[in-house]
Amino acid sequence: MGDQMCFGCSPENPRGLQLTFRYEEETTYTEFCPDNTHQSYDGVFHGGLIITIMDELIGKHLMHRNHKTVTGRMNVRFKRTIPLQETVVLGCTTEKQKGSLFIVKAWAEIKNGERAVTAEAHMMEIL
């Protein structure tokens, strides 16, 4: 089956998020517009799905730079809720690398440019 059914990025997975990515110098971006099927409380994007998108974004960010990694730890801070039916812009950058450990910062911005969610992930390179 390979990666064809990846929940985060595969266009072939009908139940997946089907994310696409944009690479700009040191930053990687994706956008997502949550609908009612992505709901937590009424009108609010589910926090677990936000984390899933961030995890996928971070993995693609490092893969684009020729590093195959897995998540060792991710610390997430929710600053405010994200509404449904509005496009969220997510981005990430590598803060530092120490051997096979990468520390990556990620964020999710709502339409006014406010960072609603931030995260720091420790990613471990696998051989």
C-alpha atoms as a PDB file:
ATOM      1  CA  MET A   1       0.000   0.000   0.000  1.00  0.00           C
ATOM      2  CA  GLY A   2       2.911   2.382   0.633  1.00  0.00           C
ATOM      3  CA  ASP A   3       2.157   6.080   1.206  1.00  0.00           C
ATOM      4  CA  GLN A   4      -0.819   6.151  -1.181  1.00  0.00           C
ATOM      5  CA  MET A   5      -3.291   6.127   1.722  1.00  0.00           C
ATOM      6  CA  CYS A   6      -1.551   8.652   3.984  1.00  0.00           C
ATOM      7  CA  PHE A   7      -4.309  10.280   6.053  1.00  0.00           C
ATOM      8  CA  GLY A   8      -2.581  13.650   5.930  1.00  0.00           C
ATOM      9  CA  CYS A   9      -1.478  14.097   2.355  1.00  0.00           C
ATOM     10  CA  SER A  10      -2.632  11.402  -0.039  1.00  0.00           C
ATOM     11  CA  PRO A  11      -5.070  12.610  -2.712  1.00  0.00           C
ATOM     12  CA  GLU A  12      -6.098   8.954  -3.045  1.00  0.00           C
ATOM     13  CA  ASN A  13      -7.445   8.674   0.512  1.00  0.00           C
ATOM     14  CA  PRO A  14     -11.115   9.723   0.314  1.00  0.00           C
ATOM     15  CA  ARG A  15     -11.331  10.103   4.113  1.00  0.00           C
ATOM     16  CA  GLY A  16      -7.986  11.869   4.475  1.00  0.00           C
ATOM     17  CA  LEU A  17      -7.138  15.555   4.737  1.00  0.00           C
ATOM     18  CA  GLN A  18      -5.497  15.674   1.263  1.00  0.00           C
ATOM     19  CA  LEU A  19      -3.074  18.398   2.309  1.00  0.00           C
ATOM     20  CA  THR A  20      -0.727  20.057  -0.152  1.00  0.00           C
ATOM     21  CA  PHE A  21       2.443  21.905   0.828  1.00  0.00           C
ATOM     22  CA  ARG A  22       4.318  25.015  -0.242  1.00  0.00           C
ATOM     23  CA  TYR A  23       8.058  25.281   0.399  1.00  0.00           C
ATOM     24  CA  GLU A  24       9.583  28.752   0.733  1.00  0.00           C
ATOM     25  CA  GLU A  25      13.255  28.959   1.711  1.00  0.00           C
ATOM     26  CA  GLU A  26      13.300  27.836   5.364  1.00  0.00           C
ATOM     27  CA  THR A  27       9.537  27.673   5.920  1.00  0.00           C
ATOM     28  CA  THR A  28       6.930  25.120   4.847  1.00  0.00           C
ATOM     29  CA  TYR A  29       3.223  25.973   4.639  1.00  0.00           C
ATOM     30  CA  THR A  30      -0.107  24.260   4.179  1.00  0.00           C
ATOM     31  CA  GLU A  31      -3.658  25.589   4.243  1.00  0.00           C
ATOM     32  CA  PHE A  32      -6.823  23.880   5.380  1.00  0.00           C
ATOM     33  CA  CYS A  33     -10.461  24.946   5.518  1.00  0.00           C
ATOM     34  CA  PRO A  34     -12.266  22.891   8.175  1.00  0.00           C
ATOM     35  CA  ASP A  35     -15.902  22.062   7.546  1.00  0.00           C
ATOM     36  CA  ASN A  36     -18.607  20.637   9.799  1.00  0.00           C
ATOM     37  CA  THR A  37     -17.064  17.144   9.641  1.00  0.00           C
ATOM     38  CA  HIS A  38     -13.983  18.558  11.438  1.00  0.00           C
ATOM     39  CA  GLN A  39     -15.981  19.982  14.340  1.00  0.00           C
ATOM     40  CA  SER A  40     -15.349  19.789  18.064  1.00  0.00           C
ATOM     41  CA  TYR A  41     -17.774  22.138  19.795  1.00  0.00           C
ATOM     42  CA  ASP A  42     -20.368  23.862  17.644  1.00  0.00           C
ATOM     43  CA  GLY A  43     -18.515  25.972  15.079  1.00  0.00           C
ATOM     44  CA  VAL A  44     -15.047  25.074  16.411  1.00  0.00           C
ATOM     45  CA  PHE A  45     -12.299  23.127  14.608  1.00  0.00           C
ATOM     46  CA  HIS A  46     -11.290  19.967  16.537  1.00  0.00           C
ATOM     47  CA  GLY A  47      -7.957  20.436  18.346  1.00  0.00           C
ATOM     48  CA  GLY A  48      -6.781  16.883  17.670  1.00  0.00           C
ATOM     49  CA  LEU A  49      -7.114  17.479  13.932  1.00  0.00           C
ATOM     50  CA  ILE A  50      -5.108  20.692  14.192  1.00  0.00           C
ATOM     51  CA  ILE A  51      -2.326  18.697  15.863  1.00  0.00           C
ATOM     52  CA  THR A  52      -2.575  16.038  13.148  1.00  0.00           C
ATOM     53  CA  ILE A  53      -2.127  18.675  10.446  1.00  0.00           C
ATOM     54  CA  MET A  54       0.839  20.211  12.295  1.00  0.00           C
ATOM     55  CA  ASP A  55       2.462  16.789  12.639  1.00  0.00           C
ATOM     56  CA  GLU A  56       2.029  16.115   8.917  1.00  0.00           C
ATOM     57  CA  LEU A  57       3.346  19.576   8.029  1.00  0.00           C
ATOM     58  CA  ILE A  58       6.447  19.111  10.175  1.00  0.00           C
ATOM     59  CA  GLY A  59       7.131  15.681   8.680  1.00  0.00           C
ATOM     60  CA  LYS A  60       6.819  17.027   5.124  1.00  0.00           C
ATOM     61  CA  HIS A  61       9.000  20.017   6.023  1.00  0.00           C
ATOM     62  CA  LEU A  62      11.847  17.703   7.037  1.00  0.00           C
ATOM     63  CA  MET A  63      11.230  15.177   4.253  1.00  0.00           C
ATOM     64  CA  HIS A  64      11.530  17.994   1.704  1.00  0.00           C
ATOM     65  CA  ARG A  65      14.999  18.582   3.186  1.00  0.00           C
ATOM     66  CA  ASN A  66      15.874  14.880   2.799  1.00  0.00           C
ATOM     67  CA  HIS A  67      15.279  13.838   6.401  1.00  0.00           C
ATOM     68  CA  LYS A  68      12.918  10.958   7.163  1.00  0.00           C
ATOM     69  CA  THR A  69      11.743  11.505  10.735  1.00  0.00           C
ATOM     70  CA  VAL A  70       9.220  10.416  13.330  1.00  0.00           C
ATOM     71  CA  THR A  71       7.721  12.535  16.079  1.00  0.00           C
ATOM     72  CA  GLY A  72       9.395  12.073  19.448  1.00  0.00           C
ATOM     73  CA  ARG A  73       7.477  14.777  21.277  1.00  0.00           C
ATOM     74  CA  MET A  74       5.193  17.647  20.418  1.00  0.00           C
ATOM     75  CA  ASN A  75       4.190  20.415  22.821  1.00  0.00           C
ATOM     76  CA  VAL A  76       1.156  22.372  21.653  1.00  0.00           C
ATOM     77  CA  ARG A  77      -0.290  25.612  22.966  1.00  0.00           C
ATOM     78  CA  PHE A  78      -3.842  26.560  22.037  1.00  0.00           C
ATOM     79  CA  LYS A  79      -4.214  30.327  22.291  1.00  0.00           C
ATOM     80  CA  ARG A  80      -7.736  30.564  20.869  1.00  0.00           C
ATOM     81  CA  THR A  81     -10.260  28.440  19.020  1.00  0.00           C
ATOM     82  CA  ILE A  82     -10.238  28.130  15.255  1.00  0.00           C
ATOM     83  CA  PRO A  83     -13.621  28.575  13.586  1.00  0.00           C
ATOM     84  CA  LEU A  84     -15.033  26.228  10.970  1.00  0.00           C
ATOM     85  CA  GLN A  85     -15.478  27.357   7.351  1.00  0.00           C
ATOM     86  CA  GLU A  86     -12.407  29.648   7.455  1.00  0.00           C
ATOM     87  CA  THR A  87      -9.058  28.811   5.887  1.00  0.00           C
ATOM     88  CA  VAL A  88      -6.265  28.250   8.393  1.00  0.00           C
ATOM     89  CA  VAL A  89      -2.655  28.823   7.300  1.00  0.00           C
ATOM     90  CA  LEU A  90      -0.130  26.575   9.019  1.00  0.00           C
ATOM     91  CA  GLY A  91       3.625  26.985   8.829  1.00  0.00           C
ATOM     92  CA  CYS A  92       6.804  25.568  10.323  1.00  0.00           C
ATOM     93  CA  THR A  93      10.554  26.107  10.443  1.00  0.00           C
ATOM     94  CA  THR A  94      13.476  24.131  11.805  1.00  0.00           C
ATOM     95  CA  GLU A  95      14.892  25.807  14.888  1.00  0.00           C
ATOM     96  CA  LYS A  96      17.912  23.551  15.329  1.00  0.00           C
ATOM     97  CA  GLN A  97      19.425  20.180  14.598  1.00  0.00           C
ATOM     98  CA  LYS A  98      21.594  18.150  16.946  1.00  0.00           C
ATOM     99  CA  GLY A  99      22.678  14.882  15.366  1.00  0.00           C
ATOM    100  CA  SER A 100      19.532  12.991  14.443  1.00  0.00           C
ATOM    101  CA  LEU A 101      17.279  15.277  16.532  1.00  0.00           C
ATOM    102  CA  PHE A 102      15.429  18.189  14.896  1.00  0.00           C
ATOM    103  CA  ILE A 103      13.546  20.838  16.838  1.00  0.00           C
ATOM    104  CA  VAL A 104      10.807  22.353  14.704  1.00  0.00           C
ATOM    105  CA  LYS A 105       8.425  25.225  15.483  1.00  0.00           C
ATOM    106  CA  ALA A 106       4.955  25.253  13.944  1.00  0.00           C
ATOM    107  CA  TRP A 107       1.943  27.557  14.048  1.00  0.00           C
ATOM    108  CA  ALA A 108      -1.625  27.915  12.823  1.00  0.00           C
ATOM    109  CA  GLU A 109      -2.898  31.349  11.833  1.00  0.00           C
ATOM    110  CA  ILE A 110      -6.509  32.395  11.444  1.00  0.00           C
ATOM    111  CA  LYS A 111      -7.704  34.879   8.839  1.00  0.00           C
ATOM    112  CA  ASN A 112      -6.671  38.027  10.711  1.00  0.00           C
ATOM    113  CA  GLY A 113      -3.077  36.703  10.906  1.00  0.00           C
ATOM    114  CA  GLU A 114      -3.341  35.866  14.613  1.00  0.00           C
ATOM    115  CA  ARG A 115      -1.498  32.708  15.684  1.00  0.00           C
ATOM    116  CA  ALA A 116      -4.195  30.598  17.278  1.00  0.00           C
ATOM    117  CA  VAL A 117      -2.011  27.539  17.913  1.00  0.00           C
ATOM    118  CA  THR A 118       1.750  27.114  18.309  1.00  0.00           C
ATOM    119  CA  ALA A 119       3.833  23.982  18.711  1.00  0.00           C
ATOM    120  CA  GLU A 120       7.367  22.751  19.211  1.00  0.00           C
ATOM    121  CA  ALA A 121       8.191  19.258  17.997  1.00  0.00           C
ATOM    122  CA  HIS A 122      11.221  17.073  18.622  1.00  0.00           C
ATOM    123  CA  MET A 123      11.663  14.927  15.532  1.00  0.00           C
ATOM    124  CA  MET A 124      13.983  11.934  15.359  1.00  0.00           C
ATOM    125  CA  GLU A 125      15.601  10.951  12.085  1.00  0.00           C
ATOM    126  CA  ILE A 126      15.213   7.292  11.171  1.00  0.00           C
ATOM    127  CA  LEU A 127      17.616   5.433   8.946  1.00  0.00           C
END
